[in-house]
PDB file of N, CA and C in Angstrom:
ATOM      1  N   UNK A   1       0.810  -1.166   0.000  1.00  0.00           N
ATOM      2  CA  UNK A   1       0.000   0.000   0.000  1.00  0.00           C
ATOM      3  C   UNK A   1       0.874   1.259   0.000  1.00  0.00           C
ATOM      4  N   UNK A   2       1.922   1.203   0.721  1.00  0.00           N
ATOM      5  CA  UNK A   2       2.844   2.323   0.793  1.00  0.00           C
ATOM      6  C   UNK A   2       3.507   2.559  -0.552  1.00  0.00           C
ATOM      7  N   UNK A   3       3.734   1.524  -1.272  1.00  0.00           N
ATOM      8  CA  UNK A   3       4.353   1.641  -2.596  1.00  0.00           C
ATOM      9  C   UNK A   3       3.377   2.280  -3.562  1.00  0.00           C
ATOM     10  N   UNK A   4       2.135   1.923  -3.436  1.00  0.00           N
ATOM     11  CA  UNK A   4       1.146   2.498  -4.321  1.00  0.00           C
ATOM     12  C   UNK A   4       0.979   4.008  -4.082  1.00  0.00           C
ATOM     13  N   UNK A   5       1.017   4.462  -2.854  1.00  0.00           N
ATOM     14  CA  UNK A   5       0.875   5.873  -2.520  1.00  0.00           C
ATOM     15  C   UNK A   5       2.087   6.631  -3.025  1.00  0.00           C
ATOM     16  N   UNK A   6       3.297   6.062  -2.833  1.00  0.00           N
ATOM     17  CA  UNK A   6       4.507   6.705  -3.323  1.00  0.00           C
ATOM     18  C   UNK A   6       4.492   6.791  -4.851  1.00  0.00           C
ATOM     19  N   UNK A   7       4.039   5.763  -5.494  1.00  0.00           N
ATOM     20  CA  UNK A   7       3.969   5.763  -6.944  1.00  0.00           C
ATOM     21  C   UNK A   7       2.930   6.779  -7.416  1.00  0.00           C
ATOM     22  N   UNK A   8       1.818   6.831  -6.714  1.00  0.00           N
ATOM     23  CA  UNK A   8       0.769   7.770  -7.058  1.00  0.00           C
ATOM     24  C   UNK A   8       1.256   9.210  -6.871  1.00  0.00           C
ATOM     25  N   UNK A   9       1.990   9.477  -5.788  1.00  0.00           N
ATOM     26  CA  UNK A   9       2.536  10.822  -5.558  1.00  0.00           C
ATOM     27  C   UNK A   9       3.542  11.191  -6.636  1.00  0.00           C
ATOM     28  N   UNK A  10       4.355  10.209  -6.991  1.00  0.00           N
ATOM     29  CA  UNK A  10       5.357  10.453  -8.037  1.00  0.00           C
ATOM     30  C   UNK A  10       4.702  10.742  -9.378  1.00  0.00           C
ATOM     31  N   UNK A  11       3.655  10.013  -9.708  1.00  0.00           N
ATOM     32  CA  UNK A  11       2.924  10.251 -10.955  1.00  0.00           C
ATOM     33  C   UNK A  11       2.237  11.625 -10.926  1.00  0.00           C
ATOM     34  N   UNK A  12       1.692  12.007  -9.781  1.00  0.00           N
ATOM     35  CA  UNK A  12       1.043  13.318  -9.646  1.00  0.00           C
ATOM     36  C   UNK A  12       2.061  14.448  -9.805  1.00  0.00           C
ATOM     37  N   UNK A  13       3.237  14.264  -9.225  1.00  0.00           N
ATOM     38  CA  UNK A  13       4.282  15.283  -9.359  1.00  0.00           C
ATOM     39  C   UNK A  13       4.739  15.396 -10.806  1.00  0.00           C
ATOM     40  N   UNK A  14       4.881  14.273 -11.485  1.00  0.00           N
ATOM     41  CA  UNK A  14       5.303  14.282 -12.880  1.00  0.00           C
ATOM     42  C   UNK A  14       4.231  14.948 -13.745  1.00  0.00           C
ATOM     43  N   UNK A  15       2.973  14.643 -13.495  1.00  0.00           N
ATOM     44  CA  UNK A  15       1.885  15.225 -14.274  1.00  0.00           C
ATOM     45  C   UNK A  15       1.800  16.726 -14.024  1.00  0.00           C
ATOM     46  N   UNK A  16       1.950  17.123 -12.765  1.00  0.00           N
ATOM     47  CA  UNK A  16       1.905  18.546 -12.428  1.00  0.00           C
ATOM     48  C   UNK A  16       3.088  19.289 -13.030  1.00  0.00           C
ATOM     49  N   UNK A  17       4.261  18.710 -12.998  1.00  0.00           N
ATOM     50  CA  UNK A  17       5.450  19.334 -13.594  1.00  0.00           C
ATOM     51  C   UNK A  17       5.285  19.471 -15.101  1.00  0.00           C
ATOM     52  N   UNK A  18       4.743  18.445 -15.736  1.00  0.00           N
ATOM     53  CA  UNK A  18       4.519  18.490 -17.183  1.00  0.00           C
ATOM     54  C   UNK A  18       3.505  19.583 -17.524  1.00  0.00           C
ATOM     55  N   UNK A  19       2.461  19.654 -16.732  1.00  0.00           N
ATOM     56  CA  UNK A  19       1.433  20.672 -16.951  1.00  0.00           C
ATOM     57  C   UNK A  19       2.027  22.072 -16.789  1.00  0.00           C
ATOM     58  N   UNK A  20       2.809  22.297 -15.752  1.00  0.00           N
ATOM     59  CA  UNK A  20       3.442  23.600 -15.541  1.00  0.00           C
ATOM     60  C   UNK A  20       4.409  23.939 -16.667  1.00  0.00           C
ATOM     61  N   UNK A  21       5.142  22.946 -17.151  1.00  0.00           N
ATOM     62  CA  UNK A  21       6.065  23.171 -18.275  1.00  0.00           C
ATOM     63  C   UNK A  21       5.307  23.546 -19.546  1.00  0.00           C
ATOM     64  N   UNK A  22       4.183  22.917 -19.801  1.00  0.00           N
ATOM     65  CA  UNK A  22       3.357  23.240 -20.981  1.00  0.00           C
ATOM     66  C   UNK A  22       2.812  24.665 -20.858  1.00  0.00           C
ATOM     67  N   UNK A  23       2.306  25.000 -19.663  1.00  0.00           N
ATOM     68  CA  UNK A  23       1.768  26.346 -19.447  1.00  0.00           C
ATOM     69  C   UNK A  23       2.866  27.385 -19.637  1.00  0.00           C
ATOM     70  N   UNK A  24       4.057  27.126 -19.105  1.00  0.00           N
ATOM     71  CA  UNK A  24       5.159  28.069 -19.238  1.00  0.00           C
ATOM     72  C   UNK A  24       5.532  28.285 -20.707  1.00  0.00           C
ATOM     73  N   UNK A  25       5.598  27.212 -21.482  1.00  0.00           N
ATOM     74  CA  UNK A  25       5.944  27.330 -22.903  1.00  0.00           C
ATOM     75  C   UNK A  25       4.852  28.042 -23.694  1.00  0.00           C
ATOM     76  N   UNK A  26       3.615  27.799 -23.384  1.00  0.00           N
ATOM     77  CA  UNK A  26       2.503  28.440 -24.107  1.00  0.00           C
ATOM     78  C   UNK A  26       2.371  29.905 -23.713  1.00  0.00           C
ATOM     79  N   UNK A  27       2.712  30.236 -22.470  1.00  0.00           N
ATOM     80  CA  UNK A  27       2.577  31.626 -22.041  1.00  0.00           C
ATOM     81  C   UNK A  27       3.482  32.538 -22.863  1.00  0.00           C
ATOM     82  N   UNK A  28       4.637  32.061 -23.265  1.00  0.00           N
ATOM     83  CA  UNK A  28       5.536  32.852 -24.101  1.00  0.00           C
ATOM     84  C   UNK A  28       4.872  33.164 -25.446  1.00  0.00           C
ATOM     85  N   UNK A  29       4.231  32.149 -26.016  1.00  0.00           N
ATOM     86  CA  UNK A  29       3.543  32.351 -27.283  1.00  0.00           C
ATOM     87  C   UNK A  29       2.348  33.303 -27.108  1.00  0.00           C
ATOM     88  N   UNK A  30       1.627  33.181 -26.012  1.00  0.00           N
ATOM     89  CA  UNK A  30       0.488  34.059 -25.742  1.00  0.00           C
ATOM     90  C   UNK A  30       0.982  35.500 -25.578  1.00  0.00           C
ATOM     91  N   UNK A  31       2.085  35.708 -24.852  1.00  0.00           N
ATOM     92  CA  UNK A  31       2.638  37.046 -24.661  1.00  0.00           C
ATOM     93  C   UNK A  31       3.117  37.647 -25.982  1.00  0.00           C
ATOM     94  N   UNK A  32       3.736  36.833 -26.820  1.00  0.00           N
ATOM     95  CA  UNK A  32       4.198  37.314 -28.120  1.00  0.00           C
ATOM     96  C   UNK A  32       3.011  37.741 -28.985  1.00  0.00           C
ATOM     97  N   UNK A  33       1.958  36.936 -28.985  1.00  0.00           N
ATOM     98  CA  UNK A  33       0.756  37.265 -29.753  1.00  0.00           C
ATOM     99  C   UNK A  33       0.142  38.563 -29.221  1.00  0.00           C
ATOM    100  N   UNK A  34       0.102  38.704 -27.912  1.00  0.00           N
ATOM    101  CA  UNK A  34      -0.445  39.923 -27.309  1.00  0.00           C
ATOM    102  C   UNK A  34       0.401  41.141 -27.683  1.00  0.00           C
ATOM    103  N   UNK A  35       1.710  41.011 -27.647  1.00  0.00           N
ATOM    104  CA  UNK A  35       2.597  42.122 -28.023  1.00  0.00           C
ATOM    105  C   UNK A  35       2.374  42.535 -29.481  1.00  0.00           C
ATOM    106  N   UNK A  36       2.216  41.564 -30.364  1.00  0.00           N
ATOM    107  CA  UNK A  36       1.947  41.875 -31.774  1.00  0.00           C
ATOM    108  C   UNK A  36       0.632  42.626 -31.924  1.00  0.00           C
ATOM    109  N   UNK A  37      -0.397  42.160 -31.220  1.00  0.00           N
ATOM    110  CA  UNK A  37      -1.707  42.806 -31.304  1.00  0.00           C
ATOM    111  C   UNK A  37      -1.643  44.240 -30.772  1.00  0.00           C
ATOM    112  N   UNK A  38      -0.930  44.457 -29.676  1.00  0.00           N
ATOM    113  CA  UNK A  38      -0.796  45.801 -29.114  1.00  0.00           C
ATOM    114  C   UNK A  38       0.002  46.697 -30.060  1.00  0.00           C
ATOM    115  N   UNK A  39       1.076  46.147 -30.653  1.00  0.00           N
ATOM    116  CA  UNK A  39       1.879  46.936 -31.601  1.00  0.00           C
ATOM    117  C   UNK A  39       1.052  47.325 -32.828  1.00  0.00           C
ATOM    118  N   UNK A  40       0.260  46.394 -33.314  1.00  0.00           N
ATOM    119  CA  UNK A  40      -0.596  46.684 -34.465  1.00  0.00           C
ATOM    120  C   UNK A  40      -1.618  47.764 -34.119  1.00  0.00           C
ATOM    121  N   UNK A  41      -2.200  47.670 -32.942  1.00  0.00           N
ATOM    122  CA  UNK A  41      -3.154  48.674 -32.496  1.00  0.00           C
ATOM    123  C   UNK A  41      -2.476  50.039 -32.344  1.00  0.00           C
ATOM    124  N   UNK A  42      -1.265  50.051 -31.809  1.00  0.00           N
ATOM    125  CA  UNK A  42      -0.523  51.301 -31.644  1.00  0.00           C
ATOM    126  C   UNK A  42      -0.214  51.942 -32.993  1.00  0.00           C
ATOM    127  N   UNK A  43       0.181  51.125 -33.971  1.00  0.00           N
ATOM    128  CA  UNK A  43       0.460  51.639 -35.320  1.00  0.00           C
ATOM    129  C   UNK A  43      -0.813  52.196 -35.960  1.00  0.00           C
ATOM    130  N   UNK A  44      -1.932  51.510 -35.751  1.00  0.00           N
ATOM    131  CA  UNK A  44      -3.201  51.991 -36.307  1.00  0.00           C
ATOM    132  C   UNK A  44      -3.585  53.322 -35.675  1.00  0.00           C
ATOM    133  N   UNK A  45      -3.369  53.454 -34.371  1.00  0.00           N
ATOM    134  CA  UNK A  45      -3.687  54.717 -33.692  1.00  0.00           C
ATOM    135  C   UNK A  45      -2.787  55.839 -34.195  1.00  0.00           C
ATOM    136  N   UNK A  46      -1.494  55.547 -34.380  1.00  0.00           N
ATOM    137  CA  UNK A  46      -0.571  56.560 -34.893  1.00  0.00           C
ATOM    138  C   UNK A  46      -0.962  56.971 -36.314  1.00  0.00           C
ATOM    139  N   UNK A  47      -1.363  56.002 -37.133  1.00  0.00           N
ATOM    140  CA  UNK A  47      -1.821  56.318 -38.492  1.00  0.00           C
ATOM    141  C   UNK A  47      -3.074  57.176 -38.475  1.00  0.00           C
ATOM    142  N   UNK A  48      -3.984  56.870 -37.562  1.00  0.00           N
ATOM    143  CA  UNK A  48      -5.206  57.663 -37.441  1.00  0.00           C
ATOM    144  C   UNK A  48      -4.891  59.095 -37.022  1.00  0.00           C
ATOM    145  N   UNK A  49      -3.958  59.258 -36.092  1.00  0.00           N
ATOM    146  CA  UNK A  49      -3.561  60.603 -35.659  1.00  0.00           C
ATOM    147  C   UNK A  49      -2.930  61.358 -36.814  1.00  0.00           C
ATOM    148  N   UNK A  50      -2.091  60.675 -37.584  1.00  0.00           N
ATOM    149  CA  UNK A  50      -1.451  61.310 -38.752  1.00  0.00           C
ATOM    150  C   UNK A  50      -2.499  61.759 -39.764  1.00  0.00           C
ATOM    151  N   UNK A  51      -3.464  60.879 -40.049  1.00  0.00           N
ATOM    152  CA  UNK A  51      -4.523  61.230 -41.002  1.00  0.00           C
ATOM    153  C   UNK A  51      -5.333  62.415 -40.507  1.00  0.00           C
ATOM    154  N   UNK A  52      -5.648  62.415 -39.211  1.00  0.00           N
ATOM    155  CA  UNK A  52      -6.418  63.518 -38.638  1.00  0.00           C
ATOM    156  C   UNK A  52      -5.641  64.824 -38.739  1.00  0.00           C
ATOM    157  N   UNK A  53      -4.341  64.767 -38.431  1.00  0.00           N
ATOM    158  CA  UNK A  53      -3.512  65.978 -38.511  1.00  0.00           C
ATOM    159  C   UNK A  53      -3.427  66.480 -39.953  1.00  0.00           C
ATOM    160  N   UNK A  54      -3.261  65.565 -40.899  1.00  0.00           N
ATOM    161  CA  UNK A  54      -3.210  65.961 -42.312  1.00  0.00           C
ATOM    162  C   UNK A  54      -4.535  66.562 -42.763  1.00  0.00           C
ATOM    163  N   UNK A  55      -5.632  65.931 -42.355  1.00  0.00           N
ATOM    164  CA  UNK A  55      -6.950  66.453 -42.729  1.00  0.00           C
ATOM    165  C   UNK A  55      -7.167  67.838 -42.119  1.00  0.00           C
ATOM    166  N   UNK A  56      -6.756  68.004 -40.865  1.00  0.00           N
ATOM    167  CA  UNK A  56      -6.902  69.305 -40.211  1.00  0.00           C
ATOM    168  C   UNK A  56      -6.071  70.366 -40.929  1.00  0.00           C
ATOM    169  N   UNK A  57      -4.860  69.985 -41.346  1.00  0.00           N
ATOM    170  CA  UNK A  57      -3.988  70.929 -42.065  1.00  0.00           C
ATOM    171  C   UNK A  57      -4.600  71.303 -43.420  1.00  0.00           C
ATOM    172  N   UNK A  58      -5.171  70.302 -44.118  1.00  0.00           N
ATOM    173  CA  UNK A  58      -5.809  70.590 -45.403  1.00  0.00           C
ATOM    174  C   UNK A  58      -6.999  71.526 -45.219  1.00  0.00           C
ATOM    175  N   UNK A  59      -7.814  71.291 -44.185  1.00  0.00           N
ATOM    176  CA  UNK A  59      -8.953  72.168 -43.923  1.00  0.00           C
ATOM    177  C   UNK A  59      -8.487  73.581 -43.606  1.00  0.00           C
ATOM    178  N   UNK A  60      -7.415  73.679 -42.813  1.00  0.00           N
ATOM    179  CA  UNK A  60      -6.897  75.000 -42.462  1.00  0.00           C
ATOM    180  C   UNK A  60      -6.401  75.720 -43.719  1.00  0.00           C
ATOM    181  N   UNK A  61      -5.694  74.999 -44.580  1.00  0.00           N
ATOM    182  CA  UNK A  61      -5.213  75.600 -45.825  1.00  0.00           C
ATOM    183  C   UNK A  61      -6.381  76.033 -46.704  1.00  0.00           C
ATOM    184  N   UNK A  62      -7.389  75.180 -46.808  1.00  0.00           N
ATOM    185  CA  UNK A  62      -8.563  75.525 -47.627  1.00  0.00           C
ATOM    186  C   UNK A  62      -9.296  76.726 -47.037  1.00  0.00           C
ATOM    187  N   UNK A  63      -9.401  76.764 -45.711  1.00  0.00           N
ATOM    188  CA  UNK A  63     -10.065  77.889 -45.054  1.00  0.00           C
ATOM    189  C   UNK A  63      -9.288  79.179 -45.297  1.00  0.00           C
ATOM    190  N   UNK A  64      -7.958  79.124 -45.158  1.00  0.00           N
ATOM    191  CA  UNK A  64      -7.135  80.308 -45.399  1.00  0.00           C
ATOM    192  C   UNK A  64      -7.244  80.768 -46.848  1.00  0.00           C
ATOM    193  N   UNK A  65      -7.234  79.808 -47.774  1.00  0.00           N
ATOM    194  CA  UNK A  65      -7.367  80.156 -49.190  1.00  0.00           C
ATOM    195  C   UNK A  65      -8.732  80.791 -49.458  1.00  0.00           C
ATOM    196  N   UNK A  66      -9.773  80.246 -48.835  1.00  0.00           N
ATOM    197  CA  UNK A  66     -11.115  80.807 -49.021  1.00  0.00           C
ATOM    198  C   UNK A  66     -11.188  82.220 -48.444  1.00  0.00           C
ATOM    199  N   UNK A  67     -10.576  82.411 -47.270  1.00  0.00           N
ATOM    200  CA  UNK A  67     -10.562  83.756 -46.684  1.00  0.00           C
ATOM    201  C   UNK A  67      -9.811  84.727 -47.581  1.00  0.00           C
ATOM    202  N   UNK A  68      -8.667  84.275 -48.097  1.00  0.00           N
ATOM    203  CA  UNK A  68      -7.863  85.135 -48.966  1.00  0.00           C
ATOM    204  C   UNK A  68      -8.652  85.483 -50.226  1.00  0.00           C
ATOM    205  N   UNK A  69      -9.312  84.472 -50.795  1.00  0.00           N
ATOM    206  CA  UNK A  69     -10.110  84.705 -51.998  1.00  0.00           C
ATOM    207  C   UNK A  69     -11.269  85.643 -51.682  1.00  0.00           C
ATOM    208  N   UNK A  70     -11.911  85.431 -50.544  1.00  0.00           N
ATOM    209  CA  UNK A  70     -13.056  86.262 -50.166  1.00  0.00           C
ATOM    210  C   UNK A  70     -12.619  87.705 -49.936  1.00  0.00           C
ATOM    211  N   UNK A  71     -11.483  87.890 -49.273  1.00  0.00           N
ATOM    212  CA  UNK A  71     -11.028  89.264 -49.036  1.00  0.00           C
ATOM    213  C   UNK A  71     -10.617  89.921 -50.349  1.00  0.00           C
ATOM    214  N   UNK A  72     -10.010  89.152 -51.246  1.00  0.00           N
ATOM    215  CA  UNK A  72      -9.678  89.688 -52.565  1.00  0.00           C
ATOM    216  C   UNK A  72     -10.915  90.047 -53.346  1.00  0.00           C
ATOM    217  N   UNK A  73     -11.908  89.186 -53.284  1.00  0.00           N
ATOM    218  CA  UNK A  73     -13.171  89.447 -53.973  1.00  0.00           C
ATOM    219  C   UNK A  73     -13.866  90.661 -53.361  1.00  0.00           C
ATOM    220  N   UNK A  74     -13.826  90.742 -52.029  1.00  0.00           N
ATOM    221  CA  UNK A  74     -14.436  91.881 -51.353  1.00  0.00           C
ATOM    222  C   UNK A  74     -13.735  93.179 -51.748  1.00  0.00           C
ATOM    223  N   UNK A  75     -12.402  93.138 -51.795  1.00  0.00           N
ATOM    224  CA  UNK A  75     -11.657  94.336 -52.200  1.00  0.00           C
ATOM    225  C   UNK A  75     -11.989  94.718 -53.637  1.00  0.00           C
ATOM    226  N   UNK A  76     -12.086  93.702 -54.498  1.00  0.00           N
ATOM    227  CA  UNK A  76     -12.410  93.971 -55.900  1.00  0.00           C
ATOM    228  C   UNK A  76     -13.807  94.581 -56.017  1.00  0.00           C
ATOM    229  N   UNK A  77     -14.759  93.986 -55.311  1.00  0.00           N
ATOM    230  CA  UNK A  77     -16.112  94.534 -55.349  1.00  0.00           C
ATOM    231  C   UNK A  77     -16.148  95.936 -54.754  1.00  0.00           C
ATOM    232  N   UNK A  78     -15.400  96.130 -53.697  1.00  0.00           N
ATOM    233  CA  UNK A  78     -15.358  97.446 -53.071  1.00  0.00           C
ATOM    234  C   UNK A  78     -14.805  98.480 -54.049  1.00  0.00           C
ATOM    235  N   UNK A  79     -13.715  98.101 -54.729  1.00  0.00           N
ATOM    236  CA  UNK A  79     -13.153  99.023 -55.722  1.00  0.00           C
ATOM    237  C   UNK A  79     -14.147  99.273 -56.842  1.00  0.00           C
ATOM    238  N   UNK A  80     -14.825  98.221 -57.283  1.00  0.00           N
ATOM    239  CA  UNK A  80     -15.782  98.362 -58.380  1.00  0.00           C
ATOM    240  C   UNK A  80     -16.906  99.307 -57.986  1.00  0.00           C
ATOM    241  N   UNK A  81     -17.504  99.055 -56.803  1.00  0.00           N
ATOM    242  CA  UNK A  81     -18.608  99.910 -56.393  1.00  0.00           C
ATOM    243  C   UNK A  81     -18.137 101.303 -56.016  1.00  0.00           C
ATOM    244  N   UNK A  82     -16.928 101.429 -55.510  1.00  0.00           N
ATOM    245  CA  UNK A  82     -16.400 102.754 -55.190  1.00  0.00           C
ATOM    246  C   UNK A  82     -16.246 103.566 -56.464  1.00  0.00           C
ATOM    247  N   UNK A  83     -15.740 102.932 -57.495  1.00  0.00           N
ATOM    248  CA  UNK A  83     -15.589 103.639 -58.775  1.00  0.00           C
ATOM    249  C   UNK A  83     -16.947 104.066 -59.301  1.00  0.00           C
ATOM    250  N   UNK A  84     -17.907 103.160 -59.261  1.00  0.00           N
ATOM    251  CA  UNK A  84     -19.236 103.483 -59.766  1.00  0.00           C
ATOM    252  C   UNK A  84     -19.846 104.602 -58.939  1.00  0.00           C
ATOM    253  N   UNK A  85     -19.670 104.551 -57.641  1.00  0.00           N
ATOM    254  CA  UNK A  85     -20.220 105.571 -56.783  1.00  0.00           C
ATOM    255  C   UNK A  85     -19.544 106.911 -57.058  1.00  0.00           C
ATOM    256  N   UNK A  86     -18.227 106.884 -57.225  1.00  0.00           N
ATOM    257  CA  UNK A  86     -17.495 108.115 -57.520  1.00  0.00           C
ATOM    258  C   UNK A  86     -17.966 108.715 -58.833  1.00  0.00           C
ATOM    259  N   UNK A  87     -18.099 107.890 -59.853  1.00  0.00           N
ATOM    260  CA  UNK A  87     -18.540 108.418 -61.141  1.00  0.00           C
ATOM    261  C   UNK A  87     -19.977 108.911 -61.038  1.00  0.00           C
ATOM    262  N   UNK A  88     -20.797 108.209 -60.273  1.00  0.00           N
ATOM    263  CA  UNK A  88     -22.182 108.642 -60.106  1.00  0.00           C
ATOM    264  C   UNK A  88     -22.222 109.977 -59.363  1.00  0.00           C
ATOM    265  N   UNK A  89     -21.427 110.111 -58.307  1.00  0.00           N
ATOM    266  CA  UNK A  89     -21.392 111.360 -57.557  1.00  0.00           C
ATOM    267  C   UNK A  89     -20.872 112.495 -58.424  1.00  0.00           C
ATOM    268  N   UNK A  90     -19.816 112.219 -59.193  1.00  0.00           N
ATOM    269  CA  UNK A  90     -19.281 113.286 -60.041  1.00  0.00           C
ATOM    270  C   UNK A  90     -20.288 113.658 -61.136  1.00  0.00           C
ATOM    271  N   UNK A  91     -21.018 112.646 -61.644  1.00  0.00           N
ATOM    272  CA  UNK A  91     -22.051 112.958 -62.638  1.00  0.00           C
ATOM    273  C   UNK A  91     -23.162 113.787 -62.007  1.00  0.00           C
ATOM    274  N   UNK A  92     -23.529 113.492 -60.769  1.00  0.00           N
ATOM    275  CA  UNK A  92     -24.549 114.278 -60.082  1.00  0.00           C
ATOM    276  C   UNK A  92     -24.070 115.712 -59.904  1.00  0.00           C
ATOM    277  N   UNK A  93     -22.811 115.838 -59.512  1.00  0.00           N
ATOM    278  CA  UNK A  93     -22.272 117.179 -59.313  1.00  0.00           C
ATOM    279  C   UNK A  93     -22.261 117.958 -60.626  1.00  0.00           C
ATOM    280  N   UNK A  94     -21.883 117.276 -61.703  1.00  0.00           N
ATOM    281  CA  UNK A  94     -21.869 117.945 -63.010  1.00  0.00           C
ATOM    282  C   UNK A  94     -23.280 118.390 -63.385  1.00  0.00           C
ATOM    283  N   UNK A  95     -24.236 117.481 -63.176  1.00  0.00           N
ATOM    284  CA  UNK A  95     -25.622 117.804 -63.518  1.00  0.00           C
ATOM    285  C   UNK A  95     -26.121 118.949 -62.649  1.00  0.00           C
ATOM    286  N   UNK A  96     -25.834 118.876 -61.349  1.00  0.00           N
ATOM    287  CA  UNK A  96     -26.260 119.941 -60.449  1.00  0.00           C
ATOM    288  C   UNK A  96     -25.572 121.266 -60.798  1.00  0.00           C
ATOM    289  N   UNK A  97     -24.296 121.192 -61.148  1.00  0.00           N
ATOM    290  CA  UNK A  97     -23.579 122.411 -61.527  1.00  0.00           C
ATOM    291  C   UNK A  97     -24.177 123.018 -62.795  1.00  0.00           C
ATOM    292  N   UNK A  98     -24.515 122.146 -63.750  1.00  0.00           N
ATOM    293  CA  UNK A  98     -25.130 122.654 -64.977  1.00  0.00           C
ATOM    294  C   UNK A  98     -26.486 123.263 -64.666  1.00  0.00           C
ATOM    295  N   UNK A  99     -27.218 122.585 -63.766  1.00  0.00           N
ATOM    296  CA  UNK A  99     -28.539 123.106 -63.408  1.00  0.00           C
ATOM    297  C   UNK A  99     -28.399 124.436 -62.688  1.00  0.00           C
ATOM    298  N   UNK A 100     -27.441 124.562 -61.814  1.00  0.00           N
ATOM    299  CA  UNK A 100     -27.275 125.816 -61.076  1.00  0.00           C
ATOM    300  C   UNK A 100     -26.786 126.923 -61.994  1.00  0.00           C
ATOM    301  N   UNK A 101     -25.914 126.578 -62.927  1.00  0.00           N
ATOM    302  CA  UNK A 101     -25.433 127.620 -63.849  1.00  0.00           C
ATOM    303  C   UNK A 101     -26.556 128.074 -64.775  1.00  0.00           C
ATOM    304  N   UNK A 102     -27.414 127.148 -65.194  1.00  0.00           N
ATOM    305  CA  UNK A 102     -28.530 127.543 -66.051  1.00  0.00           C
ATOM    306  C   UNK A 102     -29.559 128.327 -65.241  1.00  0.00           C
ATOM    307  N   UNK A 103     -29.742 127.962 -63.968  1.00  0.00           N
ATOM    308  CA  UNK A 103     -30.669 128.705 -63.122  1.00  0.00           C
ATOM    309  C   UNK A 103     -30.145 130.112 -62.858  1.00  0.00           C
ATOM    310  N   UNK A 104     -28.839 130.210 -62.626  1.00  0.00           N
ATOM    311  CA  UNK A 104     -28.270 131.539 -62.361  1.00  0.00           C
ATOM    312  C   UNK A 104     -28.361 132.404 -63.604  1.00  0.00           C
ATOM    313  N   UNK A 105     -28.216 131.777 -64.771  1.00  0.00           N
ATOM    314  CA  UNK A 105     -28.347 132.545 -66.004  1.00  0.00           C
ATOM    315  C   UNK A 105     -29.771 133.032 -66.181  1.00  0.00           C
ATOM    316  N   UNK A 106     -30.715 132.147 -65.863  1.00  0.00           N
ATOM    317  CA  UNK A 106     -32.109 132.504 -66.051  1.00  0.00           C
ATOM    318  C   UNK A 106     -32.537 133.529 -65.008  1.00  0.00           C
ATOM    319  N   UNK A 107     -32.164 133.265 -63.770  1.00  0.00           N
ATOM    320  CA  UNK A 107     -32.611 134.130 -62.682  1.00  0.00           C
ATOM    321  C   UNK A 107     -31.712 135.343 -62.475  1.00  0.00           C
ATOM    322  N   UNK A 108     -30.540 135.281 -63.009  1.00  0.00           N
ATOM    323  CA  UNK A 108     -29.551 136.332 -62.829  1.00  0.00           C
ATOM    324  C   UNK A 108     -29.278 136.556 -61.349  1.00  0.00           C
ATOM    325  N   UNK A 109     -29.269 135.535 -60.631  1.00  0.00           N
ATOM    326  CA  UNK A 109     -29.039 135.586 -59.203  1.00  0.00           C
ATOM    327  C   UNK A 109     -27.688 134.946 -58.928  1.00  0.00           C
ATOM    328  N   UNK A 110     -26.896 135.543 -58.109  1.00  0.00           N
ATOM    329  CA  UNK A 110     -25.588 134.973 -57.818  1.00  0.00           C
ATOM    330  C   UNK A 110     -25.494 134.515 -56.371  1.00  0.00           C
ATOM    331  N   UNK A 111     -26.483 133.779 -55.913  1.00  0.00           N
ATOM    332  CA  UNK A 111     -26.471 133.254 -54.552  1.00  0.00           C
ATOM    333  C   UNK A 111     -25.727 131.918 -54.539  1.00  0.00           C
ATOM    334  N   UNK A 112     -24.923 131.682 -53.505  1.00  0.00           N
ATOM    335  CA  UNK A 112     -24.218 130.388 -53.438  1.00  0.00           C
ATOM    336  C   UNK A 112     -25.195 129.249 -53.152  1.00  0.00           C
ATOM    337  N   UNK A 113     -24.990 128.145 -53.795  1.00  0.00           N
ATOM    338  CA  UNK A 113     -25.837 126.969 -53.623  1.00  0.00           C
ATOM    339  C   UNK A 113     -25.007 125.907 -52.943  1.00  0.00           C
ATOM    340  N   UNK A 114     -25.487 125.367 -51.861  1.00  0.00           N
ATOM    341  CA  UNK A 114     -24.784 124.312 -51.134  1.00  0.00           C
ATOM    342  C   UNK A 114     -25.209 122.959 -51.681  1.00  0.00           C
ATOM    343  N   UNK A 115     -24.202 122.162 -51.989  1.00  0.00           N
ATOM    344  CA  UNK A 115     -24.474 120.823 -52.489  1.00  0.00           C
ATOM    345  C   UNK A 115     -24.159 119.812 -51.393  1.00  0.00           C
ATOM    346  N   UNK A 116     -25.077 119.004 -51.088  1.00  0.00           N
ATOM    347  CA  UNK A 116     -24.873 117.995 -50.057  1.00  0.00           C
ATOM    348  C   UNK A 116     -24.800 116.631 -50.738  1.00  0.00           C
ATOM    349  N   UNK A 117     -23.799 115.889 -50.335  1.00  0.00           N
ATOM    350  CA  UNK A 117     -23.671 114.537 -50.877  1.00  0.00           C
ATOM    351  C   UNK A 117     -24.356 113.591 -49.914  1.00  0.00           C
ATOM    352  N   UNK A 118     -25.023 112.632 -50.488  1.00  0.00           N
ATOM    353  CA  UNK A 118     -25.730 111.637 -49.665  1.00  0.00           C
ATOM    354  C   UNK A 118     -24.829 110.457 -49.457  1.00  0.00           C
TER     355      UNK A 118
END
């Protein structure tokens, strides 16, 4: 009976040692697989950050270009309407001056006429 217990203990120790050795060898493979998965995830995150930064830079460039174009267009329109307004005002003044000179000729009155610009 004592021999059977000793043999049984020896078999249990051998089985437990074998099991621990298998677990130890597999844990290395599990850790390597985990490291690869984490590295892949890290690379994907870095790529996503790069894409986001590039997209943000493109939007900023497009926004700046749009602002520059808009300010150029605004300046052009401002110059265009300023010219038209100036010519319109000068034409009004010419017309008013002609009207006042013809009125002074007709009325023979030499009173100063004040011209107000709107």
